[in-house]
Amino acid sequence: MSEIAKEFGIGEALSALGIKEINNGTSTGSENFASGDLIESFSPVDGAMISKVKSTTQADFDKVIAKASEAFKSWRKKPAPQRGEIVRQFGDKLRELKEPLGKLVSYEMGKSYQEGLGEVQEMIDICDFAVGLSRQLHGLTMHSERPGHRMYEQYHSLGVVGIISAFNFPVAVWAWNTALAWVCGDVCIWKPSEKTPLCGIACQNIAASVFKANDLPEGISCLINGDYKVGEMMTHDKRVPLVSATGSIRMGKIVAQAVAARLGKSLLELGGNNAIIVTPDADIKMTIIGAVFGAVGTAGQRCTSTRRLIIHESIYDQVKDALVSAYDQLSIGNPLDESNHVGPLIDKDAVNLYSKALKKVVQEGGKLIVDGGVLEGKGYESGCYVKPAIAEANNDYEIVQHETFAPVLYLLKYSGDVENAIEIQNCVVQGLSSAIMTNNLREAEKFLSVAGSDCGIANVNIGTSGAEIGGAFGGEKETGGGRESGSDAWKVYMRRQTNTINYTTELPLAQGIKFDI
């Protein structure tokens, strides 16, 4: 155990969450097993190894699928409000373990402790949402054209839901999916990122304790671990009718093709290239707060991180100077120390991509106004700490068109009216989150209109990052088109059925067709 881990009580957190020196990475609930290679989880905070996880083999996966499929047969028959009661208990267990789980998220992933706690709070919130939803899985009744007939639509449980999550939100995105899937009567198989396997182990331990206490069968909550090959087991398996995958656009296209080839369903939450438009009527103070948190929060490793700031030429220098001043005040270091604003990137591969992006923007003609760089020396021994950077650029630069999962912010200048800024914002392949800073009602309404932002999320006078669970989360274009979390996102986890009941002694056909025998 490293000195930082000892100082901030990581050992106690691991113990509270049931994390051991070597953990079985395959689980059907309280039954844990694995026969694959070991995955070593290293903390980007200090470079220390936290623990090891045995990965999932094909034989392990087949056992998981069998258990999940069998559990589904009984779980789907339990009334939805009773399923909601189980999710309520899971939420209460998360409340009890919020601090140790938040600490593990921070230490294994590298985000600030406050963000780690916030991520667990998202899990609690989606549980609360799902409990209410369990009494509102509504259908629709409509009038039939045939006398003495009634028509209605209802939703039924779908089956085994596969979940592939990314390292940057190692627990919340799983909870978004699984809490809704559970109340819908589905069972879940989760493959967390191989970069944050311990967070998956911890969540599975918590869920397993709740299911065991309620004498529920193995297989309602399942865990598998490993690299992309383990994910492929799920995406190619016709026994998994829905695969929800969060990650890069490249990964999403592979998953979509594999699932579509067997006519399965996929829910994709992929990359973002999110922009804030800053108009002459913007509140500059609010703009700076939103832009800085959006760009450097989680060290720029959110799919909703602010990548581009589109600023009107009349206030461009004012906003630029304020940003440079704000960046001068950022403290970079151990994310468990709440005096720091920015923690590390997830690993050295991410650092290399960050460094390449800074070189690329300069090569394309951009100018760094806040220099980046990799930090070295005491406190930065892991090699994963970098300086948040700002570059003046053009939207058509190749590097600006791509998402760099790091704290790099591009300043783009626009002239004329807000339609020009919207065109710049929309001129990327991603379509996740967007925002406009303005006190002009007409500009705000144009931004939200059918000819405005083409993103799944469009905000006014808040940043691009920090979604609430009450609204459906997701994006358009190459972001994948999926929706998770709130609103009516639950419908993707169910199958839709139209029913017609004839309560007469006649059998009239639709459209007045005559068929006499």
Protein backbone atom coordinates (compact mmCIF):
# COMPACT_ATOMS: atom_id res chain seq x y z
CA MET A 1 0.00 0.00 0.00
CA SER A 2 1.48 3.34 -1.06
CA GLU A 3 1.90 6.31 1.27
CA ILE A 4 -0.91 8.22 -0.45
CA ALA A 5 -3.19 5.20 -0.19
CA LYS A 6 -2.42 4.92 3.53
CA GLU A 7 -2.87 8.64 4.15
CA PHE A 8 -6.29 8.77 2.51
CA GLY A 9 -7.64 5.50 3.86
CA ILE A 10 -7.75 3.49 0.65
CA GLY A 11 -7.12 0.24 2.51
CA GLU A 12 -10.15 0.80 4.72
CA ALA A 13 -12.25 1.66 1.65
CA LEU A 14 -11.19 -1.53 -0.14
CA SER A 15 -12.01 -3.59 2.93
CA ALA A 16 -15.47 -2.02 3.26
CA LEU A 17 -16.17 -2.86 -0.39
CA GLY A 18 -14.94 -6.44 -0.19
CA ILE A 19 -11.90 -5.89 -2.43
CA LYS A 20 -9.15 -8.46 -1.86
CA GLU A 21 -5.55 -8.80 -3.01
CA ILE A 22 -6.74 -11.07 -5.85
CA ASN A 23 -10.39 -10.96 -6.94
CA ASN A 24 -12.44 -13.23 -9.18
CA GLY A 25 -13.61 -11.05 -12.05
CA THR A 26 -16.55 -13.23 -13.06
CA SER A 27 -19.68 -13.27 -10.93
CA THR A 28 -23.33 -14.25 -11.10
CA GLY A 29 -24.10 -12.61 -7.77
CA SER A 30 -22.61 -14.06 -4.64
CA GLU A 31 -21.01 -16.85 -6.71
CA ASN A 32 -17.61 -15.59 -7.88
CA PHE A 33 -15.27 -17.50 -10.18
CA ALA A 34 -12.76 -16.90 -12.98
CA SER A 35 -10.10 -18.85 -14.81
CA GLY A 36 -8.54 -16.22 -17.06
CA ASP A 37 -5.41 -14.11 -16.87
CA LEU A 38 -4.82 -11.59 -14.11
CA ILE A 39 -5.58 -7.90 -14.67
CA GLU A 40 -3.51 -5.57 -12.51
CA SER A 41 -5.23 -2.34 -11.53
CA PHE A 42 -2.83 0.58 -11.15
CA SER A 43 -3.82 3.95 -9.73
CA PRO A 44 -2.99 6.94 -11.94
CA VAL A 45 -2.79 8.97 -8.73
CA ASP A 46 0.55 7.52 -7.62
CA GLY A 47 1.26 4.64 -10.02
CA ALA A 48 0.81 2.03 -7.31
CA MET A 49 -0.84 -1.30 -7.98
CA ILE A 50 -4.10 -1.50 -6.03
CA SER A 51 -5.20 -5.08 -6.57
CA LYS A 52 -5.54 -7.87 -9.16
CA VAL A 53 -8.58 -9.31 -10.92
CA LYS A 54 -8.88 -12.68 -12.69
CA SER A 55 -10.39 -12.16 -16.13
CA THR A 56 -13.29 -14.01 -17.76
CA THR A 57 -12.82 -16.91 -20.18
CA GLN A 58 -15.32 -18.20 -22.74
CA ALA A 59 -16.23 -21.05 -20.39
CA ASP A 60 -16.79 -18.56 -17.57
CA PHE A 61 -18.95 -16.42 -19.84
CA ASP A 62 -21.08 -19.37 -20.91
CA LYS A 63 -21.74 -20.13 -17.25
CA VAL A 64 -22.75 -16.51 -16.66
CA ILE A 65 -25.14 -16.53 -19.64
CA ALA A 66 -26.76 -19.74 -18.42
CA LYS A 67 -27.29 -18.35 -14.91
CA ALA A 68 -28.59 -15.02 -16.20
CA SER A 69 -30.99 -16.64 -18.64
CA GLU A 70 -32.38 -18.88 -15.91
CA ALA A 71 -32.72 -15.99 -13.44
CA PHE A 72 -34.64 -13.96 -16.01
CA LYS A 73 -37.43 -16.54 -16.07
CA SER A 74 -38.31 -15.84 -12.43
CA TRP A 75 -37.22 -12.19 -12.14
CA ARG A 76 -39.52 -11.06 -14.98
CA LYS A 77 -42.53 -12.56 -13.16
CA LYS A 78 -41.93 -10.55 -10.00
CA PRO A 79 -44.27 -7.51 -10.05
CA ALA A 80 -42.46 -4.35 -11.11
CA PRO A 81 -43.07 -2.53 -7.78
CA GLN A 82 -41.46 -5.47 -5.99
CA ARG A 83 -38.48 -5.22 -8.32
CA GLY A 84 -38.43 -1.52 -7.46
CA GLU A 85 -38.21 -2.41 -3.77
CA ILE A 86 -35.00 -4.37 -4.45
CA VAL A 87 -33.56 -1.36 -6.30
CA ARG A 88 -34.56 0.84 -3.33
CA GLN A 89 -32.56 -1.40 -1.03
CA PHE A 90 -29.61 -1.24 -3.42
CA GLY A 91 -29.80 2.57 -3.31
CA ASP A 92 -29.81 2.49 0.49
CA LYS A 93 -26.74 0.25 0.48
CA LEU A 94 -25.01 2.77 -1.79
CA ARG A 95 -25.83 5.50 0.73
CA GLU A 96 -24.12 3.47 3.44
CA LEU A 97 -21.02 2.92 1.28
CA LYS A 98 -20.93 6.25 -0.54
CA GLU A 99 -17.64 7.42 0.97
CA PRO A 100 -15.56 4.25 0.43
CA LEU A 101 -16.95 3.75 -3.08
CA GLY A 102 -16.38 7.40 -3.96
CA LYS A 103 -12.84 7.09 -2.66
CA LEU A 104 -12.21 3.98 -4.78
CA VAL A 105 -13.56 5.75 -7.88
CA SER A 106 -11.21 8.65 -7.22
CA TYR A 107 -8.15 6.50 -6.58
CA GLU A 108 -8.62 3.92 -9.35
CA MET A 109 -9.82 6.35 -12.04
CA GLY A 110 -8.11 9.59 -11.00
CA LYS A 111 -11.03 12.02 -10.77
CA SER A 112 -11.34 14.29 -7.75
CA TYR A 113 -12.78 12.84 -4.56
CA GLN A 114 -15.72 15.24 -4.82
CA GLU A 115 -16.42 13.97 -8.33
CA GLY A 116 -16.11 10.41 -7.06
CA LEU A 117 -18.73 11.11 -4.40
CA GLY A 118 -20.84 12.83 -7.04
CA GLU A 119 -20.70 9.76 -9.23
CA VAL A 120 -21.97 7.56 -6.41
CA GLN A 121 -24.71 10.12 -5.80
CA GLU A 122 -25.73 9.68 -9.44
CA MET A 123 -26.13 5.97 -8.70
CA ILE A 124 -28.32 6.76 -5.70
CA ASP A 125 -30.38 9.22 -7.73
CA ILE A 126 -31.04 6.76 -10.56
CA CYS A 127 -32.13 4.18 -7.99
CA ASP A 128 -34.64 6.68 -6.59
CA PHE A 129 -35.83 7.41 -10.12
CA ALA A 130 -36.15 3.71 -10.91
CA VAL A 131 -38.17 3.00 -7.76
CA GLY A 132 -40.81 5.53 -8.84
CA LEU A 133 -40.63 4.24 -12.40
CA SER A 134 -41.45 0.72 -11.23
CA ARG A 135 -45.04 1.87 -10.73
CA GLN A 136 -45.20 3.75 -14.04
CA LEU A 137 -44.21 1.27 -16.75
CA HIS A 138 -47.26 2.39 -18.64
CA GLY A 139 -48.73 1.33 -21.96
CA LEU A 140 -51.35 3.00 -24.15
CA THR A 141 -55.01 2.29 -24.90
CA MET A 142 -56.55 3.36 -28.21
CA HIS A 143 -59.92 3.00 -29.93
CA SER A 144 -60.39 0.19 -32.42
CA GLU A 145 -62.11 0.69 -35.76
CA ARG A 146 -63.98 -2.56 -35.14
CA PRO A 147 -67.01 -2.55 -32.79
CA GLY A 148 -66.64 -4.56 -29.62
CA HIS A 149 -62.87 -4.50 -29.76
CA ARG A 150 -60.26 -2.94 -27.52
CA MET A 151 -56.69 -2.17 -28.52
CA TYR A 152 -53.78 -1.38 -26.27
CA GLU A 153 -49.98 -1.42 -26.12
CA GLN A 154 -47.88 -2.79 -23.30
CA TYR A 155 -44.21 -3.31 -22.54
CA HIS A 156 -42.66 -6.60 -21.46
CA SER A 157 -39.25 -7.46 -20.02
CA LEU A 158 -36.62 -7.88 -22.71
CA GLY A 159 -34.19 -10.43 -21.26
CA VAL A 160 -30.43 -10.35 -20.71
CA VAL A 161 -29.01 -6.82 -21.02
CA GLY A 162 -25.28 -6.53 -21.73
CA ILE A 163 -23.51 -3.42 -20.44
CA ILE A 164 -20.07 -2.25 -21.56
CA SER A 165 -18.87 0.82 -19.67
CA ALA A 166 -15.87 3.14 -19.95
CA PHE A 167 -13.21 4.05 -17.40
CA ASN A 168 -14.19 7.70 -16.98
CA PHE A 169 -17.47 6.96 -15.20
CA PRO A 170 -16.63 3.53 -13.78
CA VAL A 171 -19.80 3.10 -11.69
CA ALA A 172 -22.51 5.64 -12.63
CA VAL A 173 -23.09 4.61 -16.25
CA TRP A 174 -23.54 0.99 -15.18
CA ALA A 175 -26.11 2.11 -12.61
CA TRP A 176 -27.97 4.24 -15.20
CA ASN A 177 -28.48 1.09 -17.24
CA THR A 178 -28.89 -1.56 -14.60
CA ALA A 179 -31.31 0.25 -12.26
CA LEU A 180 -33.73 0.81 -15.13
CA ALA A 181 -33.17 -2.66 -16.60
CA TRP A 182 -33.84 -4.29 -13.22
CA VAL A 183 -37.18 -2.57 -12.64
CA CYS A 184 -38.11 -3.43 -16.23
CA GLY A 185 -37.61 -7.09 -15.33
CA ASP A 186 -34.32 -7.63 -17.13
CA VAL A 187 -31.14 -9.21 -15.83
CA CYS A 188 -27.75 -7.62 -16.51
CA ILE A 189 -24.24 -8.70 -17.47
CA TRP A 190 -21.64 -5.96 -17.02
CA LYS A 191 -18.18 -5.67 -18.52
CA PRO A 192 -16.46 -2.69 -16.87
CA SER A 193 -13.36 -1.11 -18.37
CA GLU A 194 -10.22 -3.16 -17.88
CA LYS A 195 -8.69 0.10 -16.61
CA THR A 196 -11.09 0.26 -13.63
CA PRO A 197 -11.99 -3.36 -12.79
CA LEU A 198 -12.08 -2.87 -9.03
CA CYS A 199 -14.97 -0.43 -9.26
CA GLY A 200 -16.89 -3.21 -11.02
CA ILE A 201 -16.00 -5.73 -8.33
CA ALA A 202 -17.13 -3.32 -5.61
CA CYS A 203 -20.51 -2.61 -7.25
CA GLN A 204 -21.14 -6.30 -7.87
CA ASN A 205 -20.38 -7.06 -4.22
CA ILE A 206 -22.88 -4.43 -3.11
CA ALA A 207 -25.59 -5.66 -5.48
CA ALA A 208 -24.97 -9.30 -4.58
CA SER A 209 -25.46 -8.59 -0.88
CA VAL A 210 -28.89 -7.07 -1.58
CA PHE A 211 -30.05 -9.92 -3.82
CA LYS A 212 -28.81 -12.53 -1.34
CA ALA A 213 -30.57 -10.82 1.57
CA ASN A 214 -33.81 -11.07 -0.40
CA ASP A 215 -33.26 -14.74 -1.29
CA LEU A 216 -33.17 -13.99 -5.02
CA PRO A 217 -31.47 -16.29 -7.54
CA GLU A 218 -27.98 -15.98 -8.94
CA GLY A 219 -27.79 -14.25 -12.30
CA ILE A 220 -29.83 -11.06 -11.90
CA SER A 221 -26.62 -9.06 -11.60
CA CYS A 222 -23.59 -10.53 -13.38
CA LEU A 223 -20.03 -9.35 -13.91
CA ILE A 224 -17.40 -10.23 -16.49
CA ASN A 225 -13.91 -8.74 -16.78
CA GLY A 226 -11.25 -8.48 -19.42
CA ASP A 227 -10.27 -6.70 -22.62
CA TYR A 228 -12.24 -6.19 -25.82
CA LYS A 229 -12.30 -9.93 -26.50
CA VAL A 230 -14.51 -10.42 -23.44
CA GLY A 231 -16.80 -7.70 -24.73
CA GLU A 232 -17.01 -9.52 -28.05
CA MET A 233 -18.39 -12.58 -26.28
CA MET A 234 -21.38 -10.47 -25.34
CA THR A 235 -21.82 -8.49 -28.55
CA HIS A 236 -21.83 -11.65 -30.69
CA ASP A 237 -24.12 -13.69 -28.43
CA LYS A 238 -27.72 -13.90 -29.65
CA ARG A 239 -28.83 -14.66 -26.07
CA VAL A 240 -28.15 -10.98 -25.25
CA PRO A 241 -30.95 -9.05 -27.00
CA LEU A 242 -29.65 -5.61 -25.96
CA VAL A 243 -26.08 -4.36 -25.63
CA SER A 244 -25.55 -0.93 -24.08
CA ALA A 245 -22.04 0.31 -24.86
CA THR A 246 -20.29 3.47 -23.74
CA GLY A 247 -16.94 4.45 -25.24
CA SER A 248 -15.24 5.80 -28.33
CA ILE A 249 -16.86 6.18 -31.74
CA ARG A 250 -14.45 3.55 -33.10
CA MET A 251 -15.54 1.06 -30.46
CA GLY A 252 -19.21 1.91 -30.96
CA LYS A 253 -19.10 1.19 -34.68
CA ILE A 254 -17.59 -2.25 -33.99
CA VAL A 255 -20.24 -3.04 -31.38
CA ALA A 256 -23.08 -1.75 -33.59
CA GLN A 257 -22.01 -3.91 -36.53
CA ALA A 258 -21.62 -7.04 -34.40
CA VAL A 259 -25.00 -6.65 -32.70
CA ALA A 260 -26.81 -5.65 -35.91
CA ALA A 261 -25.39 -8.70 -37.71
CA ARG A 262 -27.51 -10.88 -35.40
CA LEU A 263 -30.43 -8.38 -35.47
CA GLY A 264 -29.96 -7.46 -31.83
CA LYS A 265 -30.52 -4.04 -30.28
CA SER A 266 -27.74 -1.66 -29.28
CA LEU A 267 -27.75 1.45 -27.13
CA LEU A 268 -24.66 3.51 -27.93
CA GLU A 269 -23.19 6.41 -25.95
CA LEU A 270 -20.06 7.43 -27.82
CA GLY A 271 -17.71 10.40 -28.25
CA GLY A 272 -18.45 14.08 -27.87
CA ASN A 273 -16.85 17.22 -29.31
CA ASN A 274 -18.81 19.64 -27.22
CA ALA A 275 -18.90 23.40 -27.67
CA ILE A 276 -20.05 26.45 -25.74
CA ILE A 277 -21.15 29.43 -27.83
CA VAL A 278 -20.37 32.75 -26.16
CA THR A 279 -22.37 35.66 -27.57
CA PRO A 280 -21.93 39.41 -26.94
CA ASP A 281 -24.83 39.18 -24.46
CA ALA A 282 -23.17 36.51 -22.33
CA ASP A 283 -22.48 36.85 -18.62
CA ILE A 284 -18.67 36.57 -18.73
CA LYS A 285 -18.29 35.42 -15.12
CA MET A 286 -20.75 32.57 -15.60
CA THR A 287 -19.11 31.72 -18.91
CA ILE A 288 -15.68 31.31 -17.35
CA ILE A 289 -16.98 29.09 -14.55
CA GLY A 290 -18.86 26.84 -16.97
CA ALA A 291 -16.05 26.68 -19.52
CA VAL A 292 -13.25 25.97 -17.03
CA PHE A 293 -15.10 23.20 -15.22
CA GLY A 294 -16.26 21.76 -18.53
CA ALA A 295 -12.72 21.75 -19.94
CA VAL A 296 -10.67 20.59 -16.93
CA GLY A 297 -13.18 18.65 -14.78
CA THR A 298 -12.17 14.95 -14.63
CA ALA A 299 -9.00 16.15 -16.42
CA GLY A 300 -11.03 16.56 -19.61
CA GLN A 301 -12.03 12.89 -19.58
CA ARG A 302 -15.79 13.28 -19.75
CA CYS A 303 -17.76 12.57 -22.90
CA THR A 304 -19.46 15.91 -22.14
CA SER A 305 -16.19 17.81 -21.55
CA THR A 306 -16.00 21.19 -23.24
CA ARG A 307 -13.62 20.89 -26.21
CA ARG A 308 -14.47 24.06 -28.16
CA LEU A 309 -15.32 27.59 -27.08
CA ILE A 310 -16.95 29.55 -29.92
CA ILE A 311 -16.61 33.23 -29.00
CA HIS A 312 -17.96 36.32 -30.77
CA GLU A 313 -15.17 38.53 -32.09
CA SER A 314 -16.41 41.55 -30.13
CA ILE A 315 -15.69 39.89 -26.76
CA TYR A 316 -13.05 37.39 -27.86
CA ASP A 317 -10.07 39.06 -26.16
CA GLN A 318 -12.03 39.69 -22.98
CA VAL A 319 -13.04 36.04 -22.67
CA LYS A 320 -9.57 34.82 -23.63
CA ASP A 321 -7.86 36.96 -20.98
CA ALA A 322 -10.33 35.83 -18.31
CA LEU A 323 -9.72 32.18 -19.21
CA VAL A 324 -5.95 32.54 -19.04
CA SER A 325 -6.30 34.16 -15.63
CA ALA A 326 -8.57 31.35 -14.41
CA TYR A 327 -6.18 28.65 -15.65
CA ASP A 328 -3.37 30.32 -13.71
CA GLN A 329 -5.30 29.54 -10.53
CA LEU A 330 -5.74 25.81 -11.20
CA SER A 331 -4.08 23.42 -8.77
CA ILE A 332 -2.99 20.09 -10.26
CA GLY A 333 -2.25 17.06 -8.10
CA ASN A 334 -3.55 14.20 -5.99
CA PRO A 335 -7.32 14.13 -6.58
CA LEU A 336 -7.97 12.79 -3.08
CA ASP A 337 -6.65 16.12 -1.78
CA GLU A 338 -9.68 18.39 -2.13
CA SER A 339 -7.52 21.49 -2.52
CA ASN A 340 -6.62 20.31 -6.04
CA HIS A 341 -8.78 21.08 -9.06
CA VAL A 342 -7.28 18.66 -11.60
CA GLY A 343 -6.12 15.08 -11.16
CA PRO A 344 -4.25 12.73 -13.50
CA LEU A 345 -5.17 11.23 -16.84
CA ILE A 346 -6.07 7.54 -16.68
CA ASP A 347 -2.73 6.22 -17.98
CA LYS A 348 0.38 7.02 -20.01
CA ASP A 349 -1.36 6.15 -23.28
CA ALA A 350 -3.77 9.00 -22.59
CA VAL A 351 -0.81 11.26 -21.84
CA ASN A 352 0.71 10.42 -25.21
CA LEU A 353 -2.53 11.26 -27.03
CA TYR A 354 -2.67 14.57 -25.16
CA SER A 355 0.91 15.44 -26.17
CA LYS A 356 0.25 14.51 -29.80
CA ALA A 357 -2.84 16.74 -29.87
CA LEU A 358 -0.86 19.77 -28.69
CA LYS A 359 1.79 19.19 -31.35
CA LYS A 360 -0.86 18.64 -34.01
CA VAL A 361 -2.77 21.87 -33.34
CA VAL A 362 0.44 23.89 -33.65
CA GLN A 363 1.40 22.06 -36.84
CA GLU A 364 -1.99 22.93 -38.33
CA GLY A 365 -1.50 26.62 -37.59
CA GLY A 366 -2.93 26.99 -34.12
CA LYS A 367 -1.37 28.90 -31.24
CA LEU A 368 -1.04 27.74 -27.64
CA ILE A 369 -2.05 30.55 -25.29
CA VAL A 370 -1.86 28.34 -22.19
CA ASP A 371 1.01 25.92 -22.65
CA GLY A 372 0.48 22.30 -21.78
CA GLY A 373 3.02 19.70 -20.84
CA VAL A 374 3.57 16.61 -18.74
CA LEU A 375 4.29 17.28 -15.07
CA GLU A 376 7.24 15.65 -13.35
CA GLY A 377 8.72 15.56 -9.89
CA LYS A 378 7.30 15.06 -6.41
CA GLY A 379 3.60 14.22 -6.46
CA TYR A 380 3.64 13.41 -10.17
CA GLU A 381 5.55 10.12 -10.07
CA SER A 382 2.83 8.17 -11.92
CA GLY A 383 3.63 10.11 -15.10
CA CYS A 384 -0.09 10.73 -15.71
CA TYR A 385 -0.36 14.39 -14.69
CA VAL A 386 -0.58 17.06 -17.41
CA LYS A 387 -1.25 20.78 -17.56
CA PRO A 388 -4.65 21.87 -18.93
CA ALA A 389 -3.95 23.70 -22.19
CA ILE A 390 -5.74 26.29 -24.32
CA ALA A 391 -5.13 26.76 -28.05
CA GLU A 392 -6.45 29.26 -30.55
CA ALA A 393 -7.58 27.29 -33.59
CA ASN A 394 -9.98 26.94 -36.50
CA ASN A 395 -12.90 24.55 -36.50
CA ASP A 396 -11.73 22.87 -39.71
CA TYR A 397 -8.42 21.74 -38.22
CA GLU A 398 -8.28 17.95 -38.24
CA ILE A 399 -7.36 17.81 -34.56
CA VAL A 400 -10.30 20.05 -33.64
CA GLN A 401 -12.67 17.78 -35.52
CA HIS A 402 -11.62 14.83 -33.34
CA GLU A 403 -12.16 14.22 -29.65
CA THR A 404 -9.00 14.24 -27.52
CA PHE A 405 -9.80 12.75 -24.11
CA ALA A 406 -7.68 15.23 -22.19
CA PRO A 407 -7.83 18.83 -20.90
CA VAL A 408 -7.29 20.64 -24.22
CA LEU A 409 -9.62 23.56 -25.01
CA TYR A 410 -9.82 25.16 -28.46
CA LEU A 411 -10.85 28.81 -28.82
CA LEU A 412 -12.73 29.54 -32.04
CA LYS A 413 -13.80 33.03 -33.17
CA TYR A 414 -17.05 33.85 -34.94
CA SER A 415 -18.50 37.03 -36.43
CA GLY A 416 -22.00 38.12 -37.34
CA ASP A 417 -25.08 36.66 -35.69
CA VAL A 418 -25.62 33.53 -33.64
CA GLU A 419 -26.56 31.42 -36.69
CA ASN A 420 -22.88 31.55 -37.72
CA ALA A 421 -21.82 30.23 -34.34
CA ILE A 422 -24.40 27.44 -34.46
CA GLU A 423 -23.12 26.40 -37.88
CA ILE A 424 -19.58 26.16 -36.50
CA GLN A 425 -20.79 24.16 -33.51
CA ASN A 426 -22.72 21.68 -35.64
CA CYS A 427 -19.89 21.21 -38.13
CA VAL A 428 -18.40 18.13 -36.42
CA VAL A 429 -19.39 14.45 -36.63
CA GLN A 430 -20.20 14.20 -32.92
CA GLY A 431 -23.49 15.41 -31.44
CA LEU A 432 -23.56 14.91 -27.69
CA SER A 433 -23.65 18.09 -25.59
CA SER A 434 -23.78 21.79 -26.40
CA ALA A 435 -24.37 25.10 -24.66
CA ILE A 436 -24.87 28.79 -25.29
CA MET A 437 -24.04 31.62 -22.95
CA THR A 438 -26.37 34.55 -23.59
CA ASN A 439 -28.93 36.80 -21.90
CA ASN A 440 -30.59 37.38 -25.26
CA LEU A 441 -33.86 35.43 -25.41
CA ARG A 442 -33.92 35.39 -29.20
CA GLU A 443 -30.42 33.89 -29.38
CA ALA A 444 -31.33 31.26 -26.78
CA GLU A 445 -34.48 30.25 -28.65
CA LYS A 446 -32.65 30.06 -31.98
CA PHE A 447 -30.08 27.79 -30.36
CA LEU A 448 -32.86 25.48 -29.09
CA SER A 449 -34.93 25.55 -32.28
CA VAL A 450 -35.09 22.91 -35.00
CA ALA A 451 -32.42 24.87 -36.90
CA GLY A 452 -30.27 25.23 -33.79
CA SER A 453 -28.01 22.80 -31.96
CA ASP A 454 -27.98 19.31 -33.47
CA CYS A 455 -26.87 17.69 -30.22
CA GLY A 456 -28.81 15.44 -27.89
CA ILE A 457 -28.17 17.90 -25.05
CA ALA A 458 -28.51 21.66 -25.52
CA ASN A 459 -28.09 24.00 -22.54
CA VAL A 460 -28.57 27.72 -21.99
CA ASN A 461 -26.35 29.53 -19.47
CA ILE A 462 -24.82 26.36 -18.07
CA GLY A 463 -21.88 24.38 -19.43
CA THR A 464 -21.80 21.19 -21.47
CA SER A 465 -20.86 18.96 -18.54
CA GLY A 466 -22.94 17.79 -15.60
CA ALA A 467 -26.21 16.12 -16.66
CA GLU A 468 -28.98 15.28 -14.20
CA ILE A 469 -30.51 11.82 -14.17
CA GLY A 470 -34.07 13.10 -14.70
CA GLY A 471 -33.45 13.84 -18.37
CA ALA A 472 -32.59 11.33 -21.07
CA PHE A 473 -28.83 11.36 -21.65
CA GLY A 474 -27.32 10.80 -25.07
CA GLY A 475 -26.41 12.31 -28.42
CA GLU A 476 -26.95 12.28 -32.15
CA LYS A 477 -24.80 11.64 -35.25
CA GLU A 478 -21.67 9.62 -34.46
CA THR A 479 -22.37 9.89 -30.74
CA GLY A 480 -24.62 6.93 -31.41
CA GLY A 481 -28.20 8.09 -30.87
CA GLY A 482 -28.70 6.21 -27.60
CA ARG A 483 -30.53 7.50 -24.54
CA GLU A 484 -29.88 6.43 -20.94
CA SER A 485 -30.95 7.53 -17.48
CA GLY A 486 -34.20 9.50 -17.12
CA SER A 487 -37.33 10.48 -19.04
CA ASP A 488 -38.65 7.55 -21.12
CA ALA A 489 -35.24 5.90 -21.60
CA TRP A 490 -36.71 2.84 -19.87
CA LYS A 491 -38.49 1.82 -23.06
CA VAL A 492 -35.27 0.62 -24.71
CA TYR A 493 -34.94 -2.05 -22.00
CA MET A 494 -38.34 -3.55 -22.84
CA ARG A 495 -40.10 -5.10 -25.80
CA ARG A 496 -43.23 -3.45 -27.12
CA GLN A 497 -46.42 -5.39 -27.79
CA THR A 498 -49.73 -4.35 -29.38
CA ASN A 499 -52.83 -6.25 -28.20
CA THR A 500 -56.35 -6.43 -29.62
CA ILE A 501 -59.21 -8.01 -27.65
CA ASN A 502 -62.51 -8.97 -29.28
CA TYR A 503 -65.27 -9.25 -26.69
CA THR A 504 -68.12 -9.97 -29.16
CA THR A 505 -69.40 -13.10 -30.87
CA GLU A 506 -68.51 -11.71 -34.30
CA LEU A 507 -65.15 -11.62 -36.08
CA PRO A 508 -65.03 -8.47 -38.26
CA LEU A 509 -61.76 -7.93 -40.10
CA ALA A 510 -59.79 -4.71 -40.16
CA GLN A 511 -60.18 -2.30 -43.07
CA GLY A 512 -63.64 -3.76 -43.73
CA ILE A 513 -62.25 -6.82 -45.51
CA LYS A 514 -64.85 -9.51 -46.26
CA PHE A 515 -63.85 -13.15 -45.84
CA ASP A 516 -66.94 -15.32 -45.63
CA ILE A 517 -66.73 -19.08 -45.22
